[in-house]
Amino acid sequence: MQVGPHRPTSVTVLAILAVILAALSIIIGLSAVLLGFAVASYSGVSASILDTLGTVVIAFGVLEIVYGVGFLDGKGWSWTLGMGVAVVSLASSIGAIELSATAGPAELYASAVILFIPFIAIIPIITSSVTIFFLTRPHVKAFFGKGHRPQAQLRKYLSAVTLIMAPAPAISVKEVN
C-alpha cells in the first residue's frame, strides 16, 4: 500500500523508458568497446574513439538503471540523478553532433566512426528532452518531493484569502458614566 502521493503515469513511463534505454546503452557500449578492440590493429584513433565512447555509454546505462528504479519509488535522489544524466546526455549528444560536423580529415576508420555518431546521438537528444520536460512538471516534482503539491498550494492560498476577506469582529464600546 502506497502511503505517499500517487505516482504520475508520466513517471512510470519515464522509469520504463530509462530501463529500456539502459539495456540498449549497455549493449551499444559493449559493442563499441569490442569493435574498438577489433579495429585496434588497423586504426589506433578509431579504437580510442570507440573504447572511450563505449565506456561512457555503459556508464550512462548503469546510471539509467539506477534512477529508473528510483523513479518507481519516488525517491528524491532519483529525480536529481535523472535530471543530471538527462542534461549531460543532451549536451554531450549535441556536442558529439557538432564535433562530427567539424571534424577534419582523419583515418578511414576514424572518419566512419565520426560520421556514424550523429545518427546515434539523435536518440539521447529526444529521450533526454522528454525526460527533462516531464521531470519539470509541477505534479511530477511534487511526487519526488522537489516542489509544492498543487492542491496544498491552492489550499494555502485559499486559507490566506479567506483570512483576509473575513469581516473584522465587531467591537462594542460600553458607556462609562
N, C-alpha and C. Protein backbone atom coordinates (compact mmCIF):
# COMPACT_ATOMS: atom_id res chain seq x y z
N MET A 1 0.83 -1.18 0.00
CA MET A 1 0.00 0.00 0.00
C MET A 1 0.87 1.24 0.00
N GLN A 2 0.60 2.14 -0.92
CA GLN A 2 1.40 3.36 -1.06
C GLN A 2 0.89 4.41 -0.10
N VAL A 3 1.80 4.98 0.70
CA VAL A 3 1.42 5.97 1.69
C VAL A 3 1.48 7.38 1.10
N GLY A 4 2.48 7.65 0.29
CA GLY A 4 2.69 8.99 -0.27
C GLY A 4 1.73 9.29 -1.41
N PRO A 5 2.02 10.34 -2.14
CA PRO A 5 1.17 10.73 -3.26
C PRO A 5 1.20 9.68 -4.37
N HIS A 6 0.14 9.66 -5.15
CA HIS A 6 0.00 8.73 -6.27
C HIS A 6 1.08 9.02 -7.32
N ARG A 7 1.71 7.94 -7.84
CA ARG A 7 2.76 8.11 -8.85
C ARG A 7 2.12 8.51 -10.17
N PRO A 8 2.55 9.65 -10.75
CA PRO A 8 2.01 10.06 -12.05
C PRO A 8 2.37 9.04 -13.13
N THR A 9 1.49 8.90 -14.11
CA THR A 9 1.72 7.97 -15.22
C THR A 9 3.00 8.32 -15.96
N SER A 10 3.28 9.62 -16.10
CA SER A 10 4.50 10.03 -16.82
C SER A 10 5.75 9.53 -16.12
N VAL A 11 5.73 9.42 -14.80
CA VAL A 11 6.89 8.91 -14.06
C VAL A 11 7.07 7.42 -14.34
N THR A 12 5.96 6.68 -14.39
CA THR A 12 6.03 5.26 -14.72
C THR A 12 6.60 5.06 -16.12
N VAL A 13 6.13 5.86 -17.07
CA VAL A 13 6.63 5.78 -18.45
C VAL A 13 8.12 6.12 -18.49
N LEU A 14 8.53 7.17 -17.76
CA LEU A 14 9.96 7.54 -17.72
C LEU A 14 10.81 6.43 -17.10
N ALA A 15 10.30 5.75 -16.08
CA ALA A 15 11.04 4.66 -15.45
C ALA A 15 11.23 3.50 -16.43
N ILE A 16 10.16 3.15 -17.13
CA ILE A 16 10.26 2.07 -18.13
C ILE A 16 11.21 2.47 -19.25
N LEU A 17 11.08 3.71 -19.72
CA LEU A 17 11.97 4.22 -20.78
C LEU A 17 13.43 4.19 -20.33
N ALA A 18 13.68 4.57 -19.07
CA ALA A 18 15.05 4.58 -18.55
C ALA A 18 15.65 3.18 -18.53
N VAL A 19 14.87 2.20 -18.11
CA VAL A 19 15.39 0.83 -18.05
C VAL A 19 15.63 0.27 -19.45
N ILE A 20 14.72 0.56 -20.38
CA ILE A 20 14.92 0.11 -21.77
C ILE A 20 16.15 0.78 -22.37
N LEU A 21 16.28 2.09 -22.17
CA LEU A 21 17.46 2.81 -22.68
C LEU A 21 18.74 2.31 -22.03
N ALA A 22 18.66 1.96 -20.76
CA ALA A 22 19.83 1.45 -20.06
C ALA A 22 20.31 0.15 -20.70
N ALA A 23 19.37 -0.74 -20.98
CA ALA A 23 19.73 -2.02 -21.62
C ALA A 23 20.36 -1.77 -22.98
N LEU A 24 19.74 -0.89 -23.76
CA LEU A 24 20.30 -0.56 -25.09
C LEU A 24 21.67 0.12 -24.96
N SER A 25 21.80 1.01 -23.99
CA SER A 25 23.08 1.71 -23.80
C SER A 25 24.19 0.72 -23.46
N ILE A 26 23.89 -0.20 -22.58
CA ILE A 26 24.92 -1.18 -22.19
C ILE A 26 25.29 -2.07 -23.37
N ILE A 27 24.30 -2.49 -24.14
CA ILE A 27 24.58 -3.33 -25.33
C ILE A 27 25.40 -2.54 -26.35
N ILE A 28 24.99 -1.31 -26.64
CA ILE A 28 25.72 -0.48 -27.61
C ILE A 28 27.12 -0.16 -27.11
N GLY A 29 27.24 0.15 -25.82
CA GLY A 29 28.56 0.46 -25.24
C GLY A 29 29.51 -0.72 -25.32
N LEU A 30 29.00 -1.91 -24.96
CA LEU A 30 29.83 -3.11 -25.07
C LEU A 30 30.22 -3.39 -26.51
N SER A 31 29.28 -3.19 -27.43
CA SER A 31 29.58 -3.39 -28.86
C SER A 31 30.67 -2.44 -29.33
N ALA A 32 30.59 -1.18 -28.88
CA ALA A 32 31.61 -0.20 -29.28
C ALA A 32 32.98 -0.57 -28.74
N VAL A 33 33.04 -1.01 -27.48
CA VAL A 33 34.32 -1.41 -26.89
C VAL A 33 34.89 -2.62 -27.63
N LEU A 34 34.04 -3.62 -27.90
CA LEU A 34 34.51 -4.81 -28.63
C LEU A 34 34.96 -4.45 -30.05
N LEU A 35 34.21 -3.56 -30.70
CA LEU A 35 34.62 -3.12 -32.04
C LEU A 35 35.94 -2.35 -31.97
N GLY A 36 36.12 -1.59 -30.90
CA GLY A 36 37.39 -0.88 -30.70
C GLY A 36 38.57 -1.83 -30.62
N PHE A 37 38.37 -2.95 -29.90
CA PHE A 37 39.43 -3.96 -29.83
C PHE A 37 39.68 -4.59 -31.20
N ALA A 38 38.62 -4.77 -31.98
CA ALA A 38 38.74 -5.41 -33.29
C ALA A 38 39.50 -4.54 -34.28
N VAL A 39 39.30 -3.22 -34.22
CA VAL A 39 39.95 -2.32 -35.19
C VAL A 39 41.27 -1.75 -34.67
N ALA A 40 41.66 -2.14 -33.46
CA ALA A 40 42.88 -1.58 -32.86
C ALA A 40 44.12 -1.82 -33.72
N SER A 41 44.19 -2.96 -34.37
CA SER A 41 45.38 -3.24 -35.18
C SER A 41 45.37 -2.45 -36.48
N TYR A 42 44.20 -1.96 -36.90
CA TYR A 42 44.11 -1.18 -38.15
C TYR A 42 44.19 0.32 -37.89
N SER A 43 43.57 0.76 -36.82
CA SER A 43 43.49 2.18 -36.56
C SER A 43 43.45 2.46 -35.07
N GLY A 44 44.51 3.02 -34.57
CA GLY A 44 44.58 3.37 -33.15
C GLY A 44 43.60 4.46 -32.78
N VAL A 45 43.40 5.43 -33.68
CA VAL A 45 42.48 6.54 -33.41
C VAL A 45 41.05 6.02 -33.30
N SER A 46 40.64 5.19 -34.23
CA SER A 46 39.29 4.63 -34.20
C SER A 46 39.08 3.79 -32.94
N ALA A 47 40.07 3.00 -32.59
CA ALA A 47 39.96 2.16 -31.39
C ALA A 47 39.79 3.04 -30.15
N SER A 48 40.55 4.12 -30.06
CA SER A 48 40.45 5.01 -28.91
C SER A 48 39.07 5.67 -28.83
N ILE A 49 38.58 6.13 -29.97
CA ILE A 49 37.26 6.76 -30.01
C ILE A 49 36.19 5.75 -29.57
N LEU A 50 36.24 4.56 -30.15
CA LEU A 50 35.23 3.54 -29.82
C LEU A 50 35.31 3.10 -28.35
N ASP A 51 36.52 2.91 -27.84
CA ASP A 51 36.67 2.50 -26.44
C ASP A 51 36.15 3.57 -25.48
N THR A 52 36.49 4.82 -25.76
CA THR A 52 36.06 5.92 -24.89
C THR A 52 34.54 6.10 -24.93
N LEU A 53 33.99 6.18 -26.14
CA LEU A 53 32.55 6.34 -26.26
C LEU A 53 31.79 5.15 -25.67
N GLY A 54 32.30 3.95 -25.92
CA GLY A 54 31.66 2.75 -25.38
C GLY A 54 31.63 2.74 -23.86
N THR A 55 32.73 3.13 -23.24
CA THR A 55 32.80 3.17 -21.78
C THR A 55 31.84 4.21 -21.21
N VAL A 56 31.78 5.37 -21.84
CA VAL A 56 30.86 6.43 -21.38
C VAL A 56 29.41 5.97 -21.53
N VAL A 57 29.08 5.33 -22.64
CA VAL A 57 27.71 4.86 -22.88
C VAL A 57 27.33 3.77 -21.86
N ILE A 58 28.26 2.91 -21.53
CA ILE A 58 28.00 1.89 -20.50
C ILE A 58 27.73 2.55 -19.15
N ALA A 59 28.54 3.54 -18.80
CA ALA A 59 28.34 4.25 -17.53
C ALA A 59 26.96 4.92 -17.48
N PHE A 60 26.55 5.55 -18.58
CA PHE A 60 25.22 6.16 -18.64
C PHE A 60 24.14 5.09 -18.50
N GLY A 61 24.37 3.92 -19.09
CA GLY A 61 23.40 2.83 -18.97
C GLY A 61 23.20 2.38 -17.53
N VAL A 62 24.29 2.27 -16.80
CA VAL A 62 24.20 1.87 -15.39
C VAL A 62 23.44 2.94 -14.60
N LEU A 63 23.75 4.22 -14.84
CA LEU A 63 23.04 5.30 -14.14
C LEU A 63 21.56 5.32 -14.50
N GLU A 64 21.22 5.00 -15.74
CA GLU A 64 19.81 4.96 -16.15
C GLU A 64 19.05 3.86 -15.41
N ILE A 65 19.68 2.72 -15.18
CA ILE A 65 19.03 1.66 -14.41
C ILE A 65 18.78 2.15 -12.99
N VAL A 66 19.78 2.78 -12.40
CA VAL A 66 19.67 3.23 -11.01
C VAL A 66 18.54 4.25 -10.86
N TYR A 67 18.52 5.29 -11.69
CA TYR A 67 17.46 6.29 -11.50
C TYR A 67 16.11 5.78 -11.99
N GLY A 68 16.08 4.86 -12.95
CA GLY A 68 14.81 4.28 -13.39
C GLY A 68 14.11 3.53 -12.27
N VAL A 69 14.87 2.76 -11.52
CA VAL A 69 14.31 2.03 -10.37
C VAL A 69 13.89 3.04 -9.28
N GLY A 70 14.69 4.06 -9.07
CA GLY A 70 14.34 5.08 -8.08
C GLY A 70 13.08 5.85 -8.45
N PHE A 71 12.84 6.03 -9.74
CA PHE A 71 11.62 6.71 -10.20
C PHE A 71 10.37 5.98 -9.70
N LEU A 72 10.41 4.66 -9.74
CA LEU A 72 9.23 3.87 -9.35
C LEU A 72 8.85 4.09 -7.89
N ASP A 73 9.85 4.36 -7.05
CA ASP A 73 9.60 4.58 -5.62
C ASP A 73 9.46 6.06 -5.27
N GLY A 74 9.65 6.95 -6.24
CA GLY A 74 9.52 8.38 -5.97
C GLY A 74 10.65 8.94 -5.12
N LYS A 75 11.82 8.37 -5.24
CA LYS A 75 12.97 8.83 -4.46
C LYS A 75 13.46 10.18 -4.97
N GLY A 76 13.68 11.12 -4.08
CA GLY A 76 14.13 12.45 -4.46
C GLY A 76 15.47 12.42 -5.17
N TRP A 77 16.38 11.55 -4.72
CA TRP A 77 17.69 11.47 -5.35
C TRP A 77 17.58 11.00 -6.79
N SER A 78 16.56 10.17 -7.10
CA SER A 78 16.44 9.68 -8.48
C SER A 78 16.01 10.80 -9.41
N TRP A 79 15.21 11.75 -8.90
CA TRP A 79 14.84 12.93 -9.71
C TRP A 79 16.10 13.72 -10.04
N THR A 80 16.94 13.95 -9.02
CA THR A 80 18.18 14.71 -9.21
C THR A 80 19.12 13.98 -10.17
N LEU A 81 19.30 12.68 -9.98
CA LEU A 81 20.18 11.90 -10.85
C LEU A 81 19.63 11.86 -12.27
N GLY A 82 18.33 11.61 -12.41
CA GLY A 82 17.71 11.56 -13.74
C GLY A 82 17.84 12.88 -14.47
N MET A 83 17.61 13.98 -13.77
CA MET A 83 17.73 15.30 -14.39
C MET A 83 19.19 15.56 -14.78
N GLY A 84 20.12 15.22 -13.90
CA GLY A 84 21.54 15.43 -14.20
C GLY A 84 22.00 14.62 -15.40
N VAL A 85 21.63 13.35 -15.44
CA VAL A 85 22.01 12.49 -16.57
C VAL A 85 21.38 13.01 -17.86
N ALA A 86 20.11 13.44 -17.79
CA ALA A 86 19.43 13.93 -18.99
C ALA A 86 20.10 15.20 -19.52
N VAL A 87 20.47 16.11 -18.64
CA VAL A 87 21.12 17.36 -19.08
C VAL A 87 22.49 17.07 -19.67
N VAL A 88 23.28 16.24 -18.99
CA VAL A 88 24.61 15.90 -19.51
C VAL A 88 24.50 15.13 -20.82
N SER A 89 23.55 14.21 -20.90
CA SER A 89 23.35 13.43 -22.13
C SER A 89 22.93 14.32 -23.29
N LEU A 90 22.03 15.25 -23.02
CA LEU A 90 21.58 16.18 -24.06
C LEU A 90 22.74 17.04 -24.55
N ALA A 91 23.50 17.61 -23.62
CA ALA A 91 24.62 18.47 -24.00
C ALA A 91 25.71 17.70 -24.73
N SER A 92 26.03 16.50 -24.25
CA SER A 92 27.10 15.73 -24.89
C SER A 92 26.67 15.22 -26.26
N SER A 93 25.39 14.90 -26.43
CA SER A 93 24.91 14.43 -27.74
C SER A 93 24.94 15.57 -28.76
N ILE A 94 24.54 16.75 -28.33
CA ILE A 94 24.61 17.91 -29.22
C ILE A 94 26.07 18.21 -29.55
N GLY A 95 26.92 18.12 -28.53
CA GLY A 95 28.36 18.33 -28.75
C GLY A 95 28.96 17.30 -29.68
N ALA A 96 28.53 16.06 -29.58
CA ALA A 96 29.04 15.00 -30.45
C ALA A 96 28.65 15.25 -31.90
N ILE A 97 27.43 15.73 -32.11
CA ILE A 97 27.00 16.05 -33.48
C ILE A 97 27.82 17.21 -34.02
N GLU A 98 28.03 18.22 -33.18
CA GLU A 98 28.83 19.37 -33.61
C GLU A 98 30.27 18.96 -33.91
N LEU A 99 30.83 18.11 -33.05
CA LEU A 99 32.20 17.63 -33.26
C LEU A 99 32.32 16.85 -34.55
N SER A 100 31.34 15.98 -34.82
CA SER A 100 31.41 15.18 -36.04
C SER A 100 31.23 16.04 -37.29
N ALA A 101 30.50 17.15 -37.15
CA ALA A 101 30.30 18.04 -38.30
C ALA A 101 31.55 18.86 -38.60
N THR A 102 32.34 19.13 -37.57
CA THR A 102 33.52 19.98 -37.77
C THR A 102 34.82 19.20 -37.85
N ALA A 103 34.74 17.87 -37.73
CA ALA A 103 35.96 17.06 -37.75
C ALA A 103 36.65 17.16 -39.12
N GLY A 104 37.93 17.29 -39.06
CA GLY A 104 38.72 17.38 -40.28
C GLY A 104 39.04 16.00 -40.83
N PRO A 105 39.87 15.95 -41.84
CA PRO A 105 40.22 14.65 -42.42
C PRO A 105 40.96 13.79 -41.39
N ALA A 106 40.62 12.52 -41.38
CA ALA A 106 41.24 11.58 -40.45
C ALA A 106 41.40 10.25 -41.16
N GLU A 107 41.82 9.27 -40.41
CA GLU A 107 41.95 7.94 -40.98
C GLU A 107 40.58 7.45 -41.47
N LEU A 108 40.59 6.50 -42.35
CA LEU A 108 39.34 5.97 -42.91
C LEU A 108 38.41 5.44 -41.82
N TYR A 109 38.92 4.63 -40.90
CA TYR A 109 38.08 4.07 -39.85
C TYR A 109 37.57 5.16 -38.91
N ALA A 110 38.42 6.09 -38.55
CA ALA A 110 38.01 7.17 -37.66
C ALA A 110 36.93 8.01 -38.34
N SER A 111 37.06 8.26 -39.63
CA SER A 111 36.04 9.02 -40.35
C SER A 111 34.71 8.30 -40.33
N ALA A 112 34.74 6.99 -40.50
CA ALA A 112 33.50 6.22 -40.49
C ALA A 112 32.82 6.29 -39.12
N VAL A 113 33.62 6.20 -38.06
CA VAL A 113 33.07 6.29 -36.70
C VAL A 113 32.48 7.67 -36.46
N ILE A 114 33.20 8.70 -36.85
CA ILE A 114 32.74 10.08 -36.65
C ILE A 114 31.47 10.36 -37.45
N LEU A 115 31.36 9.82 -38.65
CA LEU A 115 30.16 10.03 -39.47
C LEU A 115 28.94 9.30 -38.90
N PHE A 116 29.16 8.22 -38.15
CA PHE A 116 28.07 7.44 -37.60
C PHE A 116 27.49 8.05 -36.32
N ILE A 117 28.27 8.88 -35.64
CA ILE A 117 27.86 9.46 -34.35
C ILE A 117 26.56 10.25 -34.43
N PRO A 118 26.35 11.14 -35.41
CA PRO A 118 25.09 11.92 -35.41
C PRO A 118 23.84 11.06 -35.47
N PHE A 119 23.90 9.93 -36.12
CA PHE A 119 22.72 9.08 -36.21
C PHE A 119 22.38 8.45 -34.87
N ILE A 120 23.39 8.09 -34.10
CA ILE A 120 23.18 7.52 -32.78
C ILE A 120 22.80 8.63 -31.78
N ALA A 121 23.36 9.82 -31.92
CA ALA A 121 23.15 10.90 -30.97
C ALA A 121 21.72 11.45 -30.98
N ILE A 122 20.97 11.20 -32.02
CA ILE A 122 19.59 11.68 -32.09
C ILE A 122 18.74 11.03 -30.99
N ILE A 123 18.98 9.76 -30.70
CA ILE A 123 18.18 9.05 -29.70
C ILE A 123 18.30 9.70 -28.32
N PRO A 124 19.51 9.94 -27.79
CA PRO A 124 19.57 10.58 -26.47
C PRO A 124 19.09 12.03 -26.48
N ILE A 125 19.17 12.71 -27.61
CA ILE A 125 18.64 14.07 -27.67
C ILE A 125 17.13 14.04 -27.45
N ILE A 126 16.46 13.12 -28.11
CA ILE A 126 15.00 13.02 -27.97
C ILE A 126 14.62 12.54 -26.57
N THR A 127 15.24 11.47 -26.10
CA THR A 127 14.86 10.92 -24.79
C THR A 127 15.24 11.86 -23.65
N SER A 128 16.36 12.54 -23.75
CA SER A 128 16.74 13.49 -22.70
C SER A 128 15.79 14.68 -22.67
N SER A 129 15.39 15.16 -23.83
CA SER A 129 14.44 16.27 -23.88
C SER A 129 13.10 15.88 -23.27
N VAL A 130 12.63 14.69 -23.57
CA VAL A 130 11.37 14.20 -23.00
C VAL A 130 11.51 14.06 -21.47
N THR A 131 12.62 13.51 -21.02
CA THR A 131 12.85 13.34 -19.58
C THR A 131 12.86 14.69 -18.87
N ILE A 132 13.60 15.64 -19.41
CA ILE A 132 13.66 16.98 -18.79
C ILE A 132 12.27 17.62 -18.77
N PHE A 133 11.52 17.50 -19.86
CA PHE A 133 10.18 18.08 -19.91
C PHE A 133 9.30 17.52 -18.80
N PHE A 134 9.23 16.18 -18.69
CA PHE A 134 8.32 15.59 -17.71
C PHE A 134 8.80 15.77 -16.28
N LEU A 135 10.11 15.75 -16.05
CA LEU A 135 10.60 15.92 -14.68
C LEU A 135 10.39 17.35 -14.16
N THR A 136 10.16 18.29 -15.04
CA THR A 136 9.95 19.68 -14.60
C THR A 136 8.47 20.03 -14.43
N ARG A 137 7.56 19.09 -14.68
CA ARG A 137 6.12 19.35 -14.46
C ARG A 137 5.87 19.43 -12.96
N PRO A 138 5.04 20.38 -12.52
CA PRO A 138 4.81 20.58 -11.07
C PRO A 138 4.35 19.33 -10.32
N HIS A 139 3.42 18.56 -10.88
CA HIS A 139 2.93 17.38 -10.17
C HIS A 139 3.99 16.28 -10.08
N VAL A 140 4.88 16.23 -11.07
CA VAL A 140 5.97 15.24 -11.03
C VAL A 140 7.01 15.67 -9.99
N LYS A 141 7.35 16.94 -9.97
CA LYS A 141 8.29 17.44 -8.96
C LYS A 141 7.73 17.21 -7.56
N ALA A 142 6.43 17.43 -7.40
CA ALA A 142 5.80 17.21 -6.09
C ALA A 142 5.89 15.74 -5.69
N PHE A 143 5.71 14.83 -6.63
CA PHE A 143 5.81 13.40 -6.34
C PHE A 143 7.18 13.04 -5.79
N PHE A 144 8.22 13.68 -6.31
CA PHE A 144 9.59 13.42 -5.85
C PHE A 144 9.99 14.29 -4.66
N GLY A 145 9.06 15.11 -4.18
CA GLY A 145 9.36 15.98 -3.04
C GLY A 145 10.22 17.17 -3.42
N LYS A 146 10.19 17.56 -4.69
CA LYS A 146 11.02 18.67 -5.17
C LYS A 146 10.23 19.95 -5.37
N GLY A 147 8.97 19.95 -5.05
CA GLY A 147 8.15 21.15 -5.22
C GLY A 147 6.90 21.02 -4.38
N HIS A 148 6.12 22.05 -4.38
CA HIS A 148 4.87 22.03 -3.63
C HIS A 148 3.83 21.23 -4.37
N ARG A 149 3.02 20.52 -3.61
CA ARG A 149 1.89 19.83 -4.22
C ARG A 149 0.90 20.88 -4.67
N PRO A 150 0.40 20.82 -5.90
CA PRO A 150 -0.53 21.84 -6.40
C PRO A 150 -1.76 22.02 -5.50
N GLN A 151 -2.35 20.94 -4.96
CA GLN A 151 -3.53 21.07 -4.12
C GLN A 151 -3.18 21.77 -2.81
N ALA A 152 -2.06 21.41 -2.21
CA ALA A 152 -1.66 22.02 -0.95
C ALA A 152 -1.40 23.52 -1.15
N GLN A 153 -0.81 23.87 -2.28
CA GLN A 153 -0.55 25.26 -2.57
C GLN A 153 -1.87 26.02 -2.72
N LEU A 154 -2.84 25.42 -3.38
CA LEU A 154 -4.14 26.06 -3.56
C LEU A 154 -4.85 26.22 -2.22
N ARG A 155 -4.82 25.19 -1.38
CA ARG A 155 -5.45 25.29 -0.06
C ARG A 155 -4.82 26.39 0.77
N LYS A 156 -3.51 26.51 0.73
CA LYS A 156 -2.80 27.54 1.48
C LYS A 156 -3.22 28.92 0.97
N TYR A 157 -3.31 29.08 -0.33
CA TYR A 157 -3.73 30.34 -0.92
C TYR A 157 -5.16 30.69 -0.51
N LEU A 158 -6.07 29.71 -0.60
CA LEU A 158 -7.47 29.96 -0.25
C LEU A 158 -7.62 30.29 1.23
N SER A 159 -6.84 29.66 2.09
CA SER A 159 -6.88 29.97 3.52
C SER A 159 -6.46 31.41 3.76
N ALA A 160 -5.41 31.85 3.07
CA ALA A 160 -4.93 33.22 3.23
C ALA A 160 -5.98 34.21 2.73
N VAL A 161 -6.63 33.91 1.60
CA VAL A 161 -7.65 34.80 1.05
C VAL A 161 -8.85 34.86 1.99
N THR A 162 -9.25 33.72 2.54
CA THR A 162 -10.38 33.68 3.47
C THR A 162 -10.08 34.51 4.71
N LEU A 163 -8.87 34.43 5.21
CA LEU A 163 -8.47 35.19 6.39
C LEU A 163 -8.51 36.68 6.10
N ILE A 164 -8.05 37.07 4.94
CA ILE A 164 -8.03 38.48 4.57
C ILE A 164 -9.44 39.01 4.34
N MET A 165 -10.27 38.21 3.72
CA MET A 165 -11.62 38.65 3.36
C MET A 165 -12.62 38.56 4.51
N ALA A 166 -12.26 37.88 5.58
CA ALA A 166 -13.19 37.73 6.70
C ALA A 166 -13.46 39.09 7.34
N PRO A 167 -14.72 39.33 7.71
CA PRO A 167 -15.02 40.63 8.34
C PRO A 167 -14.38 40.72 9.71
N ALA A 168 -14.01 41.92 10.08
CA ALA A 168 -13.41 42.15 11.37
C ALA A 168 -14.48 41.99 12.44
N PRO A 169 -14.10 41.46 13.59
CA PRO A 169 -15.09 41.31 14.65
C PRO A 169 -15.59 42.68 15.14
N ALA A 170 -16.85 42.71 15.48
CA ALA A 170 -17.42 43.98 15.96
C ALA A 170 -16.92 44.26 17.36
N ILE A 171 -16.58 45.50 17.60
CA ILE A 171 -16.09 45.91 18.90
C ILE A 171 -17.18 46.76 19.54
N SER A 172 -17.58 46.36 20.72
CA SER A 172 -18.60 47.16 21.40
C SER A 172 -17.92 48.05 22.44
N VAL A 173 -18.44 49.21 22.52
CA VAL A 173 -17.90 50.18 23.47
C VAL A 173 -18.99 50.43 24.52
N LYS A 174 -18.63 50.21 25.79
CA LYS A 174 -19.58 50.45 26.88
C LYS A 174 -19.46 51.92 27.28
N GLU A 175 -20.59 52.44 27.55
CA GLU A 175 -20.58 53.84 28.00
C GLU A 175 -20.13 53.89 29.44
N VAL A 176 -19.29 54.80 29.74
CA VAL A 176 -18.80 54.97 31.10
C VAL A 176 -19.44 56.24 31.65
N ASN A 177 -20.08 56.18 32.77
CA ASN A 177 -20.70 57.37 33.37
C ASN A 177 -19.86 57.93 34.46
